[in-house]
Amino acid sequence: QTDFMARHVDLDVVPLFFRILELFFCAVFTGEILLRIYVYRGYFFQMADWRWNLFDIVIVSMQVGEEALMVILNHVSEPSQLFGVASSLTVMRILRVMRLVRIIRLVRVMRLIGELRTLVMSIAGSMKSLCWAISLLFLLIYIIGVYITQIVSDHRASKRLTDAAVNPALEQHYGTLILTILVLFEAVTGGVDWQNVLDPLMHEISPWLGVLFTFYIAFVLLAMMNVVTGVFTETALLSAKKDKDIYMVNHVRDLFHSLDLDESGMITWNEIEAQMNTPEFQEYFKAIDVDVSEAQGLFKLLDLNDHGEISADDFLNGCIRIRGPARALETM
């Protein structure tokens, strides 16, 4: 719809085909939310994915509100008579913003694809490291920029005293501190060929500035960027592991509730045996890297008190301990 309206800017009304699609999806998503709330009731806001549920409610509510505003505007011949000219323009802007916000619904795809969710969570977990890396790079650029700008400023002042011409490239690249900082940033990020911005400094002022500039480029590319890459990699790995652990915990909790048929807060071997062939149970054993045929042995291992039943805490703690390599203390 956005692409169509951009290609036909002379149209003031959205084609009927797009309006039918909007109403259809609005009805489908609204019906889905209402059915889920009806089925889960209060547990809808207490389950492991309650944040996603709240996110869905907000997005669907905004779409319903948009459709309601569209109905009101379509039944008023002159919207400015109802809202006023300024308010009418504000309402139209709100409609456009709400329409753009609906794109965020694509974020729901993350929870369905494990690899995509891991990538997004790793990037989100690296934001703190990114901010500190940018701060460190800006600090270095600022120090070098102040020094070069001062030297170029003194050179331009001395040229003016002798009525000599100043190289325009010096004023273009180093005329102000902001320009110098921008040039230094572009030089290490590929925005400009650093040989082109270095030549005026070496030819007009001093070849020693070439040594300083070369050292700056080498330090940023060979030292700082490699260290930052290492920090980002470590942070991404930790974030990915944390995301997998959280997913594992939530999955184990949901699995325990599905196994607890009598809702007693404890599960027995008979309850597990009755659901061994379900997809949820198969996925759980795949996650902890245990064959389904070893389920009874796993149950006995988790049943520390040998009572023939396992509580939720024992089930969760045991699954977390089983997952991954054994520690030295556990092999004693």
C-alpha atoms as a PDB file:
ATOM      1  CA  GLN A   1       0.000   0.000   0.000  1.00  0.00           C
ATOM      2  CA  THR A   2       2.812   2.413   0.856  1.00  0.00           C
ATOM      3  CA  ASP A   3       4.573   1.670  -2.428  1.00  0.00           C
ATOM      4  CA  PHE A   4       1.327   2.071  -4.399  1.00  0.00           C
ATOM      5  CA  MET A   5       0.495   5.428  -2.800  1.00  0.00           C
ATOM      6  CA  ALA A   6       4.070   6.615  -3.394  1.00  0.00           C
ATOM      7  CA  ARG A   7       3.737   5.748  -7.083  1.00  0.00           C
ATOM      8  CA  HIS A   8       0.334   7.480  -7.304  1.00  0.00           C
ATOM      9  CA  VAL A   9       0.724  10.607  -5.199  1.00  0.00           C
ATOM     10  CA  ASP A  10      -2.169  12.235  -7.050  1.00  0.00           C
ATOM     11  CA  LEU A  11      -4.663   9.838  -5.386  1.00  0.00           C
ATOM     12  CA  ASP A  12      -6.372  11.180  -2.283  1.00  0.00           C
ATOM     13  CA  VAL A  13      -8.272   7.993  -1.443  1.00  0.00           C
ATOM     14  CA  VAL A  14      -6.822   4.564  -0.680  1.00  0.00           C
ATOM     15  CA  PRO A  15      -8.060   1.981  -3.253  1.00  0.00           C
ATOM     16  CA  LEU A  16     -10.872  -0.291  -2.135  1.00  0.00           C
ATOM     17  CA  PHE A  17      -8.689  -3.417  -2.454  1.00  0.00           C
ATOM     18  CA  PHE A  18      -6.273  -2.179   0.232  1.00  0.00           C
ATOM     19  CA  ARG A  19      -9.135  -1.105   2.503  1.00  0.00           C
ATOM     20  CA  ILE A  20     -10.672  -4.587   2.278  1.00  0.00           C
ATOM     21  CA  LEU A  21      -7.315  -6.169   3.153  1.00  0.00           C
ATOM     22  CA  GLU A  22      -6.858  -3.810   6.104  1.00  0.00           C
ATOM     23  CA  LEU A  23     -10.304  -4.597   7.499  1.00  0.00           C
ATOM     24  CA  PHE A  24      -9.793  -8.332   6.939  1.00  0.00           C
ATOM     25  CA  PHE A  25      -6.484  -8.478   8.802  1.00  0.00           C
ATOM     26  CA  CYS A  26      -7.820  -6.189  11.520  1.00  0.00           C
ATOM     27  CA  ALA A  27     -10.716  -8.591  12.083  1.00  0.00           C
ATOM     28  CA  VAL A  28      -8.420 -11.656  12.022  1.00  0.00           C
ATOM     29  CA  PHE A  29      -5.889 -10.239  14.494  1.00  0.00           C
ATOM     30  CA  THR A  30      -8.595  -8.891  16.794  1.00  0.00           C
ATOM     31  CA  GLY A  31     -10.408 -12.236  16.767  1.00  0.00           C
ATOM     32  CA  GLU A  32      -7.140 -14.046  17.500  1.00  0.00           C
ATOM     33  CA  ILE A  33      -6.408 -11.849  20.543  1.00  0.00           C
ATOM     34  CA  LEU A  34      -9.951 -12.233  21.879  1.00  0.00           C
ATOM     35  CA  LEU A  35      -9.868 -16.019  21.465  1.00  0.00           C
ATOM     36  CA  ARG A  36      -6.520 -16.290  23.227  1.00  0.00           C
ATOM     37  CA  ILE A  37      -7.762 -14.152  26.108  1.00  0.00           C
ATOM     38  CA  TYR A  38     -10.933 -16.278  26.321  1.00  0.00           C
ATOM     39  CA  VAL A  39      -8.940 -19.542  26.372  1.00  0.00           C
ATOM     40  CA  TYR A  40      -6.186 -18.528  28.792  1.00  0.00           C
ATOM     41  CA  ARG A  41      -8.158 -15.927  30.788  1.00  0.00           C
ATOM     42  CA  GLY A  42      -5.989 -14.599  33.640  1.00  0.00           C
ATOM     43  CA  TYR A  43      -3.068 -16.869  32.713  1.00  0.00           C
ATOM     44  CA  PHE A  44      -2.811 -14.898  29.442  1.00  0.00           C
ATOM     45  CA  PHE A  45      -0.935 -12.166  31.382  1.00  0.00           C
ATOM     46  CA  GLN A  46       1.060 -14.580  33.553  1.00  0.00           C
ATOM     47  CA  MET A  47       2.523 -17.097  31.088  1.00  0.00           C
ATOM     48  CA  ALA A  48       6.132 -17.014  29.945  1.00  0.00           C
ATOM     49  CA  ASP A  49       5.256 -15.006  26.811  1.00  0.00           C
ATOM     50  CA  TRP A  50       3.111 -12.411  28.606  1.00  0.00           C
ATOM     51  CA  ARG A  51       5.268  -9.568  27.249  1.00  0.00           C
ATOM     52  CA  TRP A  52       4.595 -10.705  23.684  1.00  0.00           C
ATOM     53  CA  ASN A  53       0.899 -10.969  24.520  1.00  0.00           C
ATOM     54  CA  LEU A  54       0.888  -7.408  25.809  1.00  0.00           C
ATOM     55  CA  PHE A  55       2.758  -6.308  22.695  1.00  0.00           C
ATOM     56  CA  ASP A  56       0.105  -7.949  20.492  1.00  0.00           C
ATOM     57  CA  ILE A  57      -2.701  -6.220  22.413  1.00  0.00           C
ATOM     58  CA  VAL A  58      -1.068  -2.795  21.956  1.00  0.00           C
ATOM     59  CA  ILE A  59      -0.515  -3.279  18.205  1.00  0.00           C
ATOM     60  CA  VAL A  60      -4.010  -4.641  17.580  1.00  0.00           C
ATOM     61  CA  SER A  61      -5.568  -1.869  19.693  1.00  0.00           C
ATOM     62  CA  MET A  62      -3.764   0.745  17.619  1.00  0.00           C
ATOM     63  CA  GLN A  63      -5.052  -0.844  14.412  1.00  0.00           C
ATOM     64  CA  VAL A  64      -8.611  -0.935  15.771  1.00  0.00           C
ATOM     65  CA  GLY A  65      -8.276   2.713  16.823  1.00  0.00           C
ATOM     66  CA  GLU A  66      -7.030   3.617  13.366  1.00  0.00           C
ATOM     67  CA  GLU A  67      -9.980   1.898  11.704  1.00  0.00           C
ATOM     68  CA  ALA A  68     -12.378   3.671  14.075  1.00  0.00           C
ATOM     69  CA  LEU A  69     -10.881   7.045  13.161  1.00  0.00           C
ATOM     70  CA  MET A  70     -11.118   6.170   9.476  1.00  0.00           C
ATOM     71  CA  VAL A  71     -14.805   5.333   9.863  1.00  0.00           C
ATOM     72  CA  ILE A  72     -15.436   8.662  11.615  1.00  0.00           C
ATOM     73  CA  LEU A  73     -13.572  10.624   8.950  1.00  0.00           C
ATOM     74  CA  ASN A  74     -15.360   8.800   6.113  1.00  0.00           C
ATOM     75  CA  HIS A  75     -18.770   9.682   7.559  1.00  0.00           C
ATOM     76  CA  VAL A  76     -17.924  13.369   7.864  1.00  0.00           C
ATOM     77  CA  SER A  77     -18.014  15.368   4.674  1.00  0.00           C
ATOM     78  CA  GLU A  78     -15.584  17.970   5.975  1.00  0.00           C
ATOM     79  CA  PRO A  79     -13.252  16.686   8.735  1.00  0.00           C
ATOM     80  CA  SER A  80     -12.275  20.270   9.523  1.00  0.00           C
ATOM     81  CA  GLN A  81     -15.866  20.930  10.659  1.00  0.00           C
ATOM     82  CA  LEU A  82     -15.571  18.194  13.260  1.00  0.00           C
ATOM     83  CA  PHE A  83     -12.001  18.712  14.492  1.00  0.00           C
ATOM     84  CA  GLY A  84     -11.065  22.132  13.175  1.00  0.00           C
ATOM     85  CA  VAL A  85      -8.503  22.728  10.429  1.00  0.00           C
ATOM     86  CA  ALA A  86      -5.425  22.357  12.648  1.00  0.00           C
ATOM     87  CA  SER A  87      -6.870  19.440  14.591  1.00  0.00           C
ATOM     88  CA  SER A  88      -7.914  17.715  11.378  1.00  0.00           C
ATOM     89  CA  LEU A  89      -4.320  17.827  10.127  1.00  0.00           C
ATOM     90  CA  THR A  90      -3.173  16.469  13.485  1.00  0.00           C
ATOM     91  CA  VAL A  91      -5.614  13.561  13.202  1.00  0.00           C
ATOM     92  CA  MET A  92      -4.320  12.705   9.733  1.00  0.00           C
ATOM     93  CA  ARG A  93      -0.736  12.736  11.023  1.00  0.00           C
ATOM     94  CA  ILE A  94      -1.769  10.424  13.870  1.00  0.00           C
ATOM     95  CA  LEU A  95      -3.301   8.045  11.339  1.00  0.00           C
ATOM     96  CA  ARG A  96      -0.085   7.973   9.334  1.00  0.00           C
ATOM     97  CA  VAL A  97       2.004   7.324  12.448  1.00  0.00           C
ATOM     98  CA  MET A  98      -0.317   4.522  13.595  1.00  0.00           C
ATOM     99  CA  ARG A  99      -0.074   2.963  10.153  1.00  0.00           C
ATOM    100  CA  LEU A 100       3.722   3.014  10.333  1.00  0.00           C
ATOM    101  CA  VAL A 101       3.718   1.567  13.856  1.00  0.00           C
ATOM    102  CA  ARG A 102       1.891  -1.511  12.565  1.00  0.00           C
ATOM    103  CA  ILE A 103       5.109  -2.516  10.790  1.00  0.00           C
ATOM    104  CA  ILE A 104       6.475  -3.353  14.249  1.00  0.00           C
ATOM    105  CA  ARG A 105       4.194  -6.398  14.126  1.00  0.00           C
ATOM    106  CA  LEU A 106       6.946  -8.047  12.086  1.00  0.00           C
ATOM    107  CA  VAL A 107       8.936  -8.257  15.323  1.00  0.00           C
ATOM    108  CA  ARG A 108       6.610 -11.107  16.305  1.00  0.00           C
ATOM    109  CA  VAL A 109       8.445 -13.265  13.774  1.00  0.00           C
ATOM    110  CA  MET A 110      11.480 -13.256  16.087  1.00  0.00           C
ATOM    111  CA  ARG A 111       9.944 -15.560  18.650  1.00  0.00           C
ATOM    112  CA  LEU A 112       9.073 -18.114  15.949  1.00  0.00           C
ATOM    113  CA  ILE A 113      12.597 -18.401  14.503  1.00  0.00           C
ATOM    114  CA  GLY A 114      15.228 -19.267  17.093  1.00  0.00           C
ATOM    115  CA  GLU A 115      18.231 -18.156  15.016  1.00  0.00           C
ATOM    116  CA  LEU A 116      16.656 -14.792  14.214  1.00  0.00           C
ATOM    117  CA  ARG A 117      15.751 -14.235  17.866  1.00  0.00           C
ATOM    118  CA  THR A 118      19.326 -15.090  18.901  1.00  0.00           C
ATOM    119  CA  LEU A 119      20.767 -12.617  16.379  1.00  0.00           C
ATOM    120  CA  VAL A 120      18.479  -9.798  17.495  1.00  0.00           C
ATOM    121  CA  MET A 121      19.114 -10.461  21.188  1.00  0.00           C
ATOM    122  CA  SER A 122      22.876 -10.569  20.574  1.00  0.00           C
ATOM    123  CA  ILE A 123      22.754  -7.203  18.814  1.00  0.00           C
ATOM    124  CA  ALA A 124      20.589  -5.744  21.576  1.00  0.00           C
ATOM    125  CA  GLY A 125      22.987  -7.063  24.205  1.00  0.00           C
ATOM    126  CA  SER A 126      25.898  -5.382  22.413  1.00  0.00           C
ATOM    127  CA  MET A 127      24.352  -1.910  22.532  1.00  0.00           C
ATOM    128  CA  LYS A 128      26.162  -1.001  25.772  1.00  0.00           C
ATOM    129  CA  SER A 129      29.513  -2.032  24.299  1.00  0.00           C
ATOM    130  CA  LEU A 130      28.652  -0.102  21.124  1.00  0.00           C
ATOM    131  CA  CYS A 131      28.034   3.101  23.089  1.00  0.00           C
ATOM    132  CA  TRP A 132      31.375   2.808  24.908  1.00  0.00           C
ATOM    133  CA  ALA A 133      33.201   1.987  21.661  1.00  0.00           C
ATOM    134  CA  ILE A 134      31.723   5.080  19.990  1.00  0.00           C
ATOM    135  CA  SER A 135      32.654   7.186  23.030  1.00  0.00           C
ATOM    136  CA  LEU A 136      36.267   5.939  22.942  1.00  0.00           C
ATOM    137  CA  LEU A 137      36.548   6.525  19.181  1.00  0.00           C
ATOM    138  CA  PHE A 138      35.037  10.014  19.490  1.00  0.00           C
ATOM    139  CA  LEU A 139      37.451  10.874  22.328  1.00  0.00           C
ATOM    140  CA  LEU A 140      40.447   9.902  20.204  1.00  0.00           C
ATOM    141  CA  ILE A 141      39.086  11.746  17.162  1.00  0.00           C
ATOM    142  CA  TYR A 142      38.378  14.821  19.300  1.00  0.00           C
ATOM    143  CA  ILE A 143      41.948  14.951  20.652  1.00  0.00           C
ATOM    144  CA  ILE A 144      43.535  14.563  17.206  1.00  0.00           C
ATOM    145  CA  GLY A 145      40.958  16.940  15.699  1.00  0.00           C
ATOM    146  CA  VAL A 146      41.674  19.745  18.156  1.00  0.00           C
ATOM    147  CA  TYR A 147      45.417  19.468  17.475  1.00  0.00           C
ATOM    148  CA  ILE A 148      45.089  19.457  13.674  1.00  0.00           C
ATOM    149  CA  THR A 149      42.475  22.231  13.644  1.00  0.00           C
ATOM    150  CA  GLN A 150      44.716  24.461  15.766  1.00  0.00           C
ATOM    151  CA  ILE A 151      47.714  23.870  13.497  1.00  0.00           C
ATOM    152  CA  VAL A 152      45.680  24.584  10.354  1.00  0.00           C
ATOM    153  CA  SER A 153      44.157  27.694  11.970  1.00  0.00           C
ATOM    154  CA  ASP A 154      47.641  29.059  12.818  1.00  0.00           C
ATOM    155  CA  HIS A 155      48.809  28.300   9.272  1.00  0.00           C
ATOM    156  CA  ARG A 156      45.832  30.141   7.735  1.00  0.00           C
ATOM    157  CA  ALA A 157      46.422  33.136  10.024  1.00  0.00           C
ATOM    158  CA  SER A 158      50.102  33.356   9.034  1.00  0.00           C
ATOM    159  CA  LYS A 159      49.162  33.169   5.354  1.00  0.00           C
ATOM    160  CA  ARG A 160      46.737  36.048   5.730  1.00  0.00           C
ATOM    161  CA  LEU A 161      49.426  38.208   7.342  1.00  0.00           C
ATOM    162  CA  THR A 162      51.606  37.771   4.266  1.00  0.00           C
ATOM    163  CA  ASP A 163      48.668  38.035   1.856  1.00  0.00           C
ATOM    164  CA  ALA A 164      49.502  34.559   0.541  1.00  0.00           C
ATOM    165  CA  ALA A 165      46.875  32.236  -0.873  1.00  0.00           C
ATOM    166  CA  VAL A 166      45.561  29.446   1.344  1.00  0.00           C
ATOM    167  CA  ASN A 167      44.948  26.019  -0.116  1.00  0.00           C
ATOM    168  CA  PRO A 168      41.123  25.685  -0.423  1.00  0.00           C
ATOM    169  CA  ALA A 169      41.384  22.025   0.608  1.00  0.00           C
ATOM    170  CA  LEU A 170      42.598  23.076   4.063  1.00  0.00           C
ATOM    171  CA  GLU A 171      39.527  25.247   4.617  1.00  0.00           C
ATOM    172  CA  GLN A 172      37.265  22.583   3.119  1.00  0.00           C
ATOM    173  CA  HIS A 173      38.490  19.743   5.345  1.00  0.00           C
ATOM    174  CA  TYR A 174      39.903  21.506   8.417  1.00  0.00           C
ATOM    175  CA  GLY A 175      38.198  24.894   8.453  1.00  0.00           C
ATOM    176  CA  THR A 176      36.378  24.180  11.718  1.00  0.00           C
ATOM    177  CA  LEU A 177      36.655  21.603  14.482  1.00  0.00           C
ATOM    178  CA  ILE A 178      33.427  19.946  13.334  1.00  0.00           C
ATOM    179  CA  LEU A 179      34.797  19.531   9.791  1.00  0.00           C
ATOM    180  CA  THR A 180      38.053  18.077  11.127  1.00  0.00           C
ATOM    181  CA  ILE A 181      36.218  15.581  13.314  1.00  0.00           C
ATOM    182  CA  LEU A 182      34.045  14.581  10.354  1.00  0.00           C
ATOM    183  CA  VAL A 183      37.086  14.086   8.114  1.00  0.00           C
ATOM    184  CA  LEU A 184      38.876  11.985  10.730  1.00  0.00           C
ATOM    185  CA  PHE A 185      35.788   9.813  11.168  1.00  0.00           C
ATOM    186  CA  GLU A 186      35.346   9.401   7.408  1.00  0.00           C
ATOM    187  CA  ALA A 187      39.026   8.504   7.036  1.00  0.00           C
ATOM    188  CA  VAL A 188      38.671   5.374   9.199  1.00  0.00           C
ATOM    189  CA  THR A 189      35.196   4.340   8.031  1.00  0.00           C
ATOM    190  CA  GLY A 190      35.688   4.560   4.270  1.00  0.00           C
ATOM    191  CA  GLY A 191      33.730   7.757   3.736  1.00  0.00           C
ATOM    192  CA  VAL A 192      36.750   9.459   2.137  1.00  0.00           C
ATOM    193  CA  ASP A 193      40.174   8.381   0.872  1.00  0.00           C
ATOM    194  CA  TRP A 194      42.491   9.452   3.691  1.00  0.00           C
ATOM    195  CA  GLN A 195      45.333  10.084   1.222  1.00  0.00           C
ATOM    196  CA  ASN A 196      43.275  12.905  -0.330  1.00  0.00           C
ATOM    197  CA  VAL A 197      42.706  14.649   3.010  1.00  0.00           C
ATOM    198  CA  LEU A 198      46.314  14.071   4.122  1.00  0.00           C
ATOM    199  CA  ASP A 199      48.024  15.617   1.064  1.00  0.00           C
ATOM    200  CA  PRO A 200      47.093  19.261   1.919  1.00  0.00           C
ATOM    201  CA  LEU A 201      48.498  18.850   5.440  1.00  0.00           C
ATOM    202  CA  MET A 202      51.796  17.397   4.242  1.00  0.00           C
ATOM    203  CA  HIS A 203      52.337  19.763   1.297  1.00  0.00           C
ATOM    204  CA  GLU A 204      51.121  22.989   2.885  1.00  0.00           C
ATOM    205  CA  ILE A 205      52.129  22.631   6.557  1.00  0.00           C
ATOM    206  CA  SER A 206      54.530  19.816   7.481  1.00  0.00           C
ATOM    207  CA  PRO A 207      55.366  16.215   6.456  1.00  0.00           C
ATOM    208  CA  TRP A 208      55.344  15.318  10.156  1.00  0.00           C
ATOM    209  CA  LEU A 209      51.571  15.639  10.117  1.00  0.00           C
ATOM    210  CA  GLY A 210      51.628  12.672   7.731  1.00  0.00           C
ATOM    211  CA  VAL A 211      53.322  10.628  10.452  1.00  0.00           C
ATOM    212  CA  LEU A 212      50.669  11.674  12.991  1.00  0.00           C
ATOM    213  CA  PHE A 213      47.809  10.933  10.583  1.00  0.00           C
ATOM    214  CA  THR A 214      49.275   7.547   9.608  1.00  0.00           C
ATOM    215  CA  PHE A 215      49.716   6.596  13.271  1.00  0.00           C
ATOM    216  CA  TYR A 216      46.087   7.608  13.925  1.00  0.00           C
ATOM    217  CA  ILE A 217      44.812   5.430  11.059  1.00  0.00           C
ATOM    218  CA  ALA A 218      46.958   2.458  12.092  1.00  0.00           C
ATOM    219  CA  PHE A 219      45.975   2.715  15.757  1.00  0.00           C
ATOM    220  CA  VAL A 220      42.241   2.885  15.026  1.00  0.00           C
ATOM    221  CA  LEU A 221      42.170   0.140  12.371  1.00  0.00           C
ATOM    222  CA  LEU A 222      44.722  -2.304  13.785  1.00  0.00           C
ATOM    223  CA  ALA A 223      44.346  -1.802  17.533  1.00  0.00           C
ATOM    224  CA  MET A 224      41.057  -0.207  18.510  1.00  0.00           C
ATOM    225  CA  MET A 225      38.833  -1.914  15.938  1.00  0.00           C
ATOM    226  CA  ASN A 226      40.267  -5.366  16.675  1.00  0.00           C
ATOM    227  CA  VAL A 227      39.766  -4.915  20.410  1.00  0.00           C
ATOM    228  CA  VAL A 228      36.230  -3.624  19.851  1.00  0.00           C
ATOM    229  CA  THR A 229      35.494  -6.601  17.580  1.00  0.00           C
ATOM    230  CA  GLY A 230      36.674  -8.969  20.308  1.00  0.00           C
ATOM    231  CA  VAL A 231      34.534  -7.265  22.923  1.00  0.00           C
ATOM    232  CA  PHE A 232      31.507  -7.342  20.622  1.00  0.00           C
ATOM    233  CA  THR A 233      32.043 -11.026  19.876  1.00  0.00           C
ATOM    234  CA  GLU A 234      32.270 -11.922  23.563  1.00  0.00           C
ATOM    235  CA  THR A 235      29.208  -9.840  24.397  1.00  0.00           C
ATOM    236  CA  ALA A 236      27.239 -11.394  21.535  1.00  0.00           C
ATOM    237  CA  LEU A 237      28.148 -14.916  22.668  1.00  0.00           C
ATOM    238  CA  LEU A 238      27.113 -14.173  26.251  1.00  0.00           C
ATOM    239  CA  SER A 239      23.833 -12.620  25.068  1.00  0.00           C
ATOM    240  CA  ALA A 240      23.121 -15.613  22.825  1.00  0.00           C
ATOM    241  CA  LYS A 241      23.792 -18.032  25.706  1.00  0.00           C
ATOM    242  CA  LYS A 242      21.579 -15.999  28.031  1.00  0.00           C
ATOM    243  CA  ASP A 243      18.771 -15.943  25.460  1.00  0.00           C
ATOM    244  CA  LYS A 244      18.999 -19.721  25.005  1.00  0.00           C
ATOM    245  CA  ASP A 245      18.947 -20.247  28.777  1.00  0.00           C
ATOM    246  CA  ILE A 246      15.859 -18.039  29.151  1.00  0.00           C
ATOM    247  CA  TYR A 247      14.140 -19.856  26.289  1.00  0.00           C
ATOM    248  CA  MET A 248      15.062 -23.167  27.895  1.00  0.00           C
ATOM    249  CA  VAL A 249      13.650 -22.149  31.286  1.00  0.00           C
ATOM    250  CA  ASN A 250      10.386 -20.897  29.758  1.00  0.00           C
ATOM    251  CA  HIS A 251      10.078 -24.038  27.639  1.00  0.00           C
ATOM    252  CA  VAL A 252      10.677 -26.299  30.652  1.00  0.00           C
ATOM    253  CA  ARG A 253       8.044 -24.446  32.684  1.00  0.00           C
ATOM    254  CA  ASP A 254       5.460 -24.781  29.935  1.00  0.00           C
ATOM    255  CA  LEU A 255       6.367 -28.446  29.516  1.00  0.00           C
ATOM    256  CA  PHE A 256       5.944 -29.081  33.252  1.00  0.00           C
ATOM    257  CA  HIS A 257       2.454 -27.514  33.223  1.00  0.00           C
ATOM    258  CA  SER A 258       1.482 -29.674  30.233  1.00  0.00           C
ATOM    259  CA  LEU A 259       2.808 -32.846  31.939  1.00  0.00           C
ATOM    260  CA  ASP A 260       1.069 -32.067  35.225  1.00  0.00           C
ATOM    261  CA  LEU A 261      -2.293 -33.490  34.134  1.00  0.00           C
ATOM    262  CA  ASP A 262      -3.890 -33.453  37.586  1.00  0.00           C
ATOM    263  CA  GLU A 263      -2.495 -29.954  38.371  1.00  0.00           C
ATOM    264  CA  SER A 264      -1.052 -31.195  41.662  1.00  0.00           C
ATOM    265  CA  GLY A 265       2.235 -29.344  41.272  1.00  0.00           C
ATOM    266  CA  MET A 266       4.042 -32.701  40.932  1.00  0.00           C
ATOM    267  CA  ILE A 267       4.584 -34.971  37.932  1.00  0.00           C
ATOM    268  CA  THR A 268       4.840 -38.756  37.981  1.00  0.00           C
ATOM    269  CA  TRP A 269       6.329 -41.265  35.552  1.00  0.00           C
ATOM    270  CA  ASN A 270       2.858 -42.252  34.377  1.00  0.00           C
ATOM    271  CA  GLU A 271       2.107 -38.635  33.383  1.00  0.00           C
ATOM    272  CA  ILE A 272       5.406 -38.413  31.507  1.00  0.00           C
ATOM    273  CA  GLU A 273       4.917 -41.754  29.779  1.00  0.00           C
ATOM    274  CA  ALA A 274       1.453 -40.689  28.577  1.00  0.00           C
ATOM    275  CA  GLN A 275       2.926 -37.710  26.665  1.00  0.00           C
ATOM    276  CA  MET A 276       6.297 -39.023  25.515  1.00  0.00           C
ATOM    277  CA  ASN A 277       5.285 -38.922  21.847  1.00  0.00           C
ATOM    278  CA  THR A 278       4.045 -35.304  21.839  1.00  0.00           C
ATOM    279  CA  PRO A 279       6.028 -32.721  19.812  1.00  0.00           C
ATOM    280  CA  GLU A 280       6.656 -30.625  22.947  1.00  0.00           C
ATOM    281  CA  PHE A 281       8.230 -33.556  24.759  1.00  0.00           C
ATOM    282  CA  GLN A 282      10.378 -34.479  21.743  1.00  0.00           C
ATOM    283  CA  GLU A 283      11.609 -30.864  21.424  1.00  0.00           C
ATOM    284  CA  TYR A 284      12.438 -30.758  25.132  1.00  0.00           C
ATOM    285  CA  PHE A 285      14.661 -33.856  24.992  1.00  0.00           C
ATOM    286  CA  LYS A 286      16.331 -32.510  21.858  1.00  0.00           C
ATOM    287  CA  ALA A 287      17.095 -29.241  23.689  1.00  0.00           C
ATOM    288  CA  ILE A 288      18.826 -31.019  26.594  1.00  0.00           C
ATOM    289  CA  ASP A 289      20.591 -33.449  24.205  1.00  0.00           C
ATOM    290  CA  VAL A 290      19.060 -36.593  25.721  1.00  0.00           C
ATOM    291  CA  ASP A 291      17.468 -39.475  23.800  1.00  0.00           C
ATOM    292  CA  VAL A 292      13.769 -40.090  24.460  1.00  0.00           C
ATOM    293  CA  SER A 293      14.517 -43.738  25.263  1.00  0.00           C
ATOM    294  CA  GLU A 294      16.409 -42.540  28.333  1.00  0.00           C
ATOM    295  CA  ALA A 295      13.384 -40.690  29.740  1.00  0.00           C
ATOM    296  CA  GLN A 296      12.799 -43.138  32.592  1.00  0.00           C
ATOM    297  CA  GLY A 297      16.438 -42.994  33.638  1.00  0.00           C
ATOM    298  CA  LEU A 298      16.253 -39.203  33.575  1.00  0.00           C
ATOM    299  CA  PHE A 299      13.129 -39.287  35.731  1.00  0.00           C
ATOM    300  CA  LYS A 300      14.863 -41.448  38.341  1.00  0.00           C
ATOM    301  CA  LEU A 301      17.863 -39.126  38.254  1.00  0.00           C
ATOM    302  CA  LEU A 302      15.684 -36.067  38.918  1.00  0.00           C
ATOM    303  CA  ASP A 303      13.664 -37.868  41.616  1.00  0.00           C
ATOM    304  CA  LEU A 304      16.211 -37.163  44.336  1.00  0.00           C
ATOM    305  CA  ASN A 305      13.969 -38.311  47.197  1.00  0.00           C
ATOM    306  CA  ASP A 306      12.815 -41.484  45.393  1.00  0.00           C
ATOM    307  CA  HIS A 307       9.145 -40.600  45.969  1.00  0.00           C
ATOM    308  CA  GLY A 308       8.051 -41.398  42.416  1.00  0.00           C
ATOM    309  CA  GLU A 309       7.189 -37.761  41.667  1.00  0.00           C
ATOM    310  CA  ILE A 310       9.071 -34.575  40.790  1.00  0.00           C
ATOM    311  CA  SER A 311       8.262 -31.012  41.825  1.00  0.00           C
ATOM    312  CA  ALA A 312       8.500 -28.046  39.480  1.00  0.00           C
ATOM    313  CA  ASP A 313      11.689 -26.733  41.126  1.00  0.00           C
ATOM    314  CA  ASP A 314      13.427 -30.126  40.976  1.00  0.00           C
ATOM    315  CA  PHE A 315      12.369 -30.544  37.356  1.00  0.00           C
ATOM    316  CA  LEU A 316      13.656 -27.108  36.351  1.00  0.00           C
ATOM    317  CA  ASN A 317      16.936 -27.276  38.310  1.00  0.00           C
ATOM    318  CA  GLY A 318      17.639 -30.796  37.081  1.00  0.00           C
ATOM    319  CA  CYS A 319      17.084 -29.852  33.443  1.00  0.00           C
ATOM    320  CA  ILE A 320      19.417 -26.866  33.727  1.00  0.00           C
ATOM    321  CA  ARG A 321      22.129 -29.003  35.349  1.00  0.00           C
ATOM    322  CA  ILE A 322      21.820 -31.774  32.756  1.00  0.00           C
ATOM    323  CA  ARG A 323      22.126 -29.325  29.870  1.00  0.00           C
ATOM    324  CA  GLY A 324      25.741 -28.767  28.858  1.00  0.00           C
ATOM    325  CA  PRO A 325      29.022 -30.403  29.970  1.00  0.00           C
ATOM    326  CA  ALA A 326      29.433 -31.733  33.484  1.00  0.00           C
ATOM    327  CA  ARG A 327      31.315 -29.660  36.034  1.00  0.00           C
ATOM    328  CA  ALA A 328      34.165 -31.131  38.131  1.00  0.00           C
ATOM    329  CA  LEU A 329      32.030 -31.083  41.286  1.00  0.00           C
ATOM    330  CA  GLU A 330      29.260 -33.080  39.595  1.00  0.00           C
ATOM    331  CA  THR A 331      31.657 -35.852  38.513  1.00  0.00           C
ATOM    332  CA  MET A 332      32.868 -36.536  42.057  1.00  0.00           C
END
